[in-house]
Protein backbone atom coordinates (compact mmCIF):
# COMPACT_ATOMS: atom_id res chain seq x y z
CA UNK A 1 -18.54 -22.22 -34.49
CA UNK A 2 -17.43 -18.95 -36.02
CA UNK A 3 -19.72 -17.02 -33.68
CA UNK A 4 -18.21 -18.74 -30.63
CA UNK A 5 -14.68 -17.94 -31.81
CA UNK A 6 -15.67 -14.36 -32.45
CA UNK A 7 -17.15 -14.02 -28.96
CA UNK A 8 -14.04 -15.53 -27.38
CA UNK A 9 -11.85 -13.14 -29.35
CA UNK A 10 -13.93 -10.17 -28.23
CA UNK A 11 -13.73 -11.28 -24.60
CA UNK A 12 -9.96 -11.71 -24.88
CA UNK A 13 -9.64 -8.27 -26.47
CA UNK A 14 -11.79 -6.76 -23.72
CA UNK A 15 -9.70 -8.38 -21.00
CA UNK A 16 -6.48 -7.09 -22.61
CA UNK A 17 -7.94 -3.59 -22.80
CA UNK A 18 -9.04 -3.66 -19.16
CA UNK A 19 -5.62 -4.96 -18.09
CA UNK A 20 -3.88 -2.21 -20.06
CA UNK A 21 -6.15 0.49 -18.62
CA UNK A 22 -5.72 -0.65 -15.01
CA UNK A 23 -1.96 -0.96 -15.43
CA UNK A 24 -1.74 2.50 -17.01
CA UNK A 25 -3.97 3.96 -14.30
CA UNK A 26 -1.79 2.46 -11.57
CA UNK A 27 1.31 4.00 -13.14
CA UNK A 28 -0.19 7.37 -14.10
CA UNK A 29 -2.02 7.95 -10.82
CA UNK A 30 1.03 6.72 -8.92
CA UNK A 31 2.97 9.59 -10.47
CA UNK A 32 0.19 12.19 -10.55
CA UNK A 33 -3.02 11.76 -8.54
CA UNK A 34 -4.73 14.27 -10.86
CA UNK A 35 -3.97 12.32 -14.05
CA UNK A 36 -6.96 12.55 -16.39
CA UNK A 37 -8.80 9.70 -18.08
CA UNK A 38 -7.41 10.96 -21.40
CA UNK A 39 -3.85 10.62 -20.10
CA UNK A 40 -4.59 7.15 -18.76
CA UNK A 41 -6.21 6.11 -22.05
CA UNK A 42 -3.17 7.33 -24.00
CA UNK A 43 -0.80 5.46 -21.68
CA UNK A 44 -2.92 2.33 -22.09
CA UNK A 45 -2.96 2.67 -25.87
CA UNK A 46 -6.76 2.78 -26.07
CA UNK A 47 -9.31 5.36 -27.12
CA UNK A 48 -11.79 7.09 -24.84
CA UNK A 49 -14.61 5.04 -26.36
CA UNK A 50 -12.85 1.84 -25.29
CA UNK A 51 -12.12 3.36 -21.89
CA UNK A 52 -15.78 4.20 -21.27
CA UNK A 53 -16.88 0.80 -22.58
CA UNK A 54 -15.18 -0.75 -19.54
CA UNK A 55 -15.25 2.02 -16.93
CA UNK A 56 -18.14 4.46 -16.61
CA UNK A 57 -16.29 7.01 -14.47
CA UNK A 58 -12.88 8.11 -13.22
CA UNK A 59 -13.85 6.77 -9.79
CA UNK A 60 -14.16 3.25 -11.24
CA UNK A 61 -10.72 3.53 -12.82
CA UNK A 62 -9.19 4.77 -9.57
CA UNK A 63 -10.92 1.98 -7.64
CA UNK A 64 -9.52 -0.65 -10.01
CA UNK A 65 -6.01 0.82 -9.83
CA UNK A 66 -6.11 0.99 -6.02
CA UNK A 67 -7.32 -2.61 -5.86
CA UNK A 68 -4.48 -3.68 -8.15
CA UNK A 69 -1.84 -1.89 -6.07
CA UNK A 70 -3.13 -3.40 -2.83
CA UNK A 71 -3.31 -6.89 -4.32
CA UNK A 72 0.28 -6.64 -5.51
CA UNK A 73 1.37 -5.28 -2.16
CA UNK A 74 -0.31 -8.22 -0.45
CA UNK A 75 1.57 -10.61 -2.72
CA UNK A 76 4.83 -9.09 -1.46
CA UNK A 77 3.78 -9.12 2.18
CA UNK A 78 2.51 -12.70 1.93
CA UNK A 79 6.15 -13.76 1.64
CA UNK A 80 7.14 -12.05 4.91
CA UNK A 81 7.37 -14.19 8.05
CA UNK A 82 5.36 -12.38 10.73
CA UNK A 83 5.60 -15.19 13.29
CA UNK A 84 8.04 -15.65 16.15
CA UNK A 85 9.70 -12.76 17.97
CA UNK A 86 7.31 -9.77 17.56
CA UNK A 87 10.18 -7.27 17.34
CA UNK A 88 11.88 -9.18 14.55
CA UNK A 89 8.53 -9.72 12.81
CA UNK A 90 7.83 -5.99 12.98
CA UNK A 91 11.27 -5.24 11.59
CA UNK A 92 10.71 -7.67 8.69
CA UNK A 93 7.31 -6.15 7.97
CA UNK A 94 8.74 -2.63 7.86
CA UNK A 95 11.66 -3.70 5.67
CA UNK A 96 9.27 -5.23 3.13
CA UNK A 97 6.35 -2.85 3.46
CA UNK A 98 7.45 0.74 3.86
CA UNK A 99 8.26 1.26 0.19
CA UNK A 100 4.86 -0.17 -0.78
CA UNK A 101 3.27 2.61 1.27
CA UNK A 102 5.58 5.12 -0.42
CA UNK A 103 4.73 3.88 -3.92
CA UNK A 104 1.00 4.02 -3.24
CA UNK A 105 0.88 7.51 -1.70
CA UNK A 106 -0.09 9.39 -4.86
CA UNK A 107 -2.56 6.67 -5.79
CA UNK A 108 -4.11 6.90 -2.32
CA UNK A 109 -4.45 10.67 -2.76
CA UNK A 110 -6.41 10.04 -5.96
CA UNK A 111 -8.54 7.46 -4.17
CA UNK A 112 -9.32 9.84 -1.31
CA UNK A 113 -10.63 12.35 -3.86
CA UNK A 114 -12.74 9.88 -5.82
CA UNK A 115 -13.85 7.18 -3.39
CA UNK A 116 -15.75 7.17 -0.14
CA UNK A 117 -13.92 6.68 3.14
CA UNK A 118 -15.85 3.44 3.57
CA UNK A 119 -14.67 2.08 0.23
CA UNK A 120 -11.06 2.97 1.01
CA UNK A 121 -11.32 1.15 4.35
CA UNK A 122 -12.82 -1.83 2.52
CA UNK A 123 -9.96 -1.93 0.03
CA UNK A 124 -7.42 -1.75 2.86
CA UNK A 125 -9.13 -4.39 5.01
CA UNK A 126 -6.65 -7.12 4.10
CA UNK A 127 -3.45 -5.15 4.77
CA UNK A 128 -4.96 -3.60 7.91
CA UNK A 129 -5.84 -7.03 9.32
CA UNK A 130 -2.27 -8.18 8.74
CA UNK A 131 -0.80 -5.29 10.74
CA UNK A 132 -3.46 -5.54 13.44
CA UNK A 133 -2.59 -9.21 13.92
CA UNK A 134 1.12 -8.36 14.13
CA UNK A 135 0.50 -5.70 16.77
CA UNK A 136 -1.88 -7.94 18.72
CA UNK A 137 0.77 -10.70 18.73
CA UNK A 138 3.35 -8.29 20.11
CA UNK A 139 0.97 -7.10 22.83
CA UNK A 140 0.11 -10.68 23.84
CA UNK A 141 3.80 -11.54 24.09
CA UNK A 142 4.51 -8.50 26.28
CA UNK A 143 6.80 -6.97 23.66
CA UNK A 144 4.44 -4.09 22.80
CA UNK A 145 2.62 -1.71 25.10
CA UNK A 146 -1.01 -2.38 25.99
CA UNK A 147 -2.02 1.03 27.35
CA UNK A 148 -2.81 2.27 23.82
CA UNK A 149 -5.35 0.73 21.48
CA UNK A 150 -4.35 -1.70 18.77
CA UNK A 151 -5.92 0.58 16.14
CA UNK A 152 -3.91 3.59 17.33
CA UNK A 153 -0.64 1.66 17.20
CA UNK A 154 -1.39 0.52 13.65
CA UNK A 155 -2.07 4.16 12.72
CA UNK A 156 1.23 5.22 14.28
CA UNK A 157 3.12 2.65 12.22
CA UNK A 158 1.56 3.86 8.98
CA UNK A 159 2.03 7.52 9.91
CA UNK A 160 5.75 6.96 10.47
CA UNK A 161 6.01 5.17 7.11
CA UNK A 162 4.33 8.11 5.37
CA UNK A 163 6.62 10.54 7.20
CA UNK A 164 9.67 8.63 5.98
CA UNK A 165 8.46 9.02 2.40
CA UNK A 166 8.06 12.78 2.92
CA UNK A 167 11.57 13.03 4.41
CA UNK A 168 13.01 11.23 1.39
CA UNK A 169 11.25 13.65 -0.96
CA UNK A 170 12.59 16.58 1.06
CA UNK A 171 16.12 15.21 0.80
CA UNK A 172 16.51 14.74 4.54
CA UNK A 173 16.52 10.93 4.45
CA UNK A 174 17.83 8.39 1.96
CA UNK A 175 15.71 5.41 0.94
CA UNK A 176 18.40 2.94 2.02
CA UNK A 177 18.14 4.26 5.61
CA UNK A 178 14.36 4.55 5.75
CA UNK A 179 13.63 1.07 7.12
CA UNK A 180 16.13 1.56 9.98
CA UNK A 181 14.63 4.94 10.89
CA UNK A 182 11.06 3.64 10.77
CA UNK A 183 11.92 0.53 12.79
CA UNK A 184 13.77 2.48 15.49
CA UNK A 185 10.96 5.02 15.80
CA UNK A 186 8.11 2.50 15.87
CA UNK A 187 9.80 0.13 18.30
CA UNK A 188 10.46 3.04 20.65
CA UNK A 189 6.79 4.02 20.38
CA UNK A 190 5.59 0.44 20.91
CA UNK A 191 7.84 -0.42 23.87
CA UNK A 192 5.91 -0.77 27.15
CA UNK A 193 6.32 2.25 29.48
CA UNK A 194 9.22 1.82 31.91
CA UNK A 195 10.91 -0.81 29.72
CA UNK A 196 14.23 -0.09 28.00
CA UNK A 197 13.86 0.24 24.25
CA UNK A 198 15.34 -2.91 22.64
CA UNK A 199 18.43 -2.57 20.47
CA UNK A 200 17.60 -3.92 17.02
CA UNK A 201 21.01 -3.50 15.45
CA UNK A 202 21.88 -1.49 12.37
CA UNK A 203 21.28 1.86 14.06
CA UNK A 204 19.89 4.90 12.35
CA UNK A 205 22.98 7.05 12.16
CA UNK A 206 22.99 10.83 11.69
């Protein structure tokens, strides 16, 4: 009986250590993509021996942190209604999602240095499918242009989100105006050629 209790305690301790390491990695790498394993271990409150008992390399730590960030982002986006009017659905997605992209930028930089392009695509498969479905819905409804590929339009959306984050860092855009700017830009880019760009309200201002 004592052996079983001891094993359960060790498993619980291991799970707590892993949770602390992944949480610390998400935070440290989110602030500095070059954060070392020593820094992450200190932030997690564990020693390097414990760190290496659970993760054999920095790449494994980065992978776990990236997976955590994407899972949490998906939890947020799962609450967003992407049905109905494609323009309103796109606006809701941007409102909820642009800051998730901003928060994950440094972590993505770390992932790009440590993980293969294939693994990064694999990790992003869920979020990518969500946006692809949103764009495909808009194209089917005639709200979005069809002369450009679905994949390209998804890339444009993410590129504009990343650009907004850069503008905020440069002091040329405030975070409270970012969603309006992104929405206005993306809707203009997605509008079928020859069709007036819809007015979404709010405006982007100077």
